[in-house]
């Protein structure tokens, strides 16, 4: 059974920092592309960051210069969030693409919801003003 487990959300003040972590287990094919998405109340889920096993990353324009995505090892990623703003408040979701499909993306690190196969349960991040 494929599982994604997130941790690290919470409440932080404007300008503060948080680190989210995510661990993927159960995909026998490995080589997963993994990413972070977020969904604020009343808004659609949006892509925040993506990382491939070869180190290629992609970040949404709204978080460039403030957020960093990294991978400690295959199946484990983190999102370091700095200079947090109230508009970063959302439920943050970790997601992964099946290892069977990784090659189809070539050099691209996708940030579209429909590209991802597996999802975590989400972790709340709240930034107070």
Foldseek 3Di string as FASTA:
>chain_A
DKAKAKDWADEEEQQAKTKMKIFIDDQPLFQKKKFKWWDDPPGDIWTAKIATQVGDMDGDPVQPPFWDKDAPHTRMIMIIGGSDDQVVWTWMKMFIARSVCVVVQPSDGDRDPVRTDDIHPTDTHGYHD
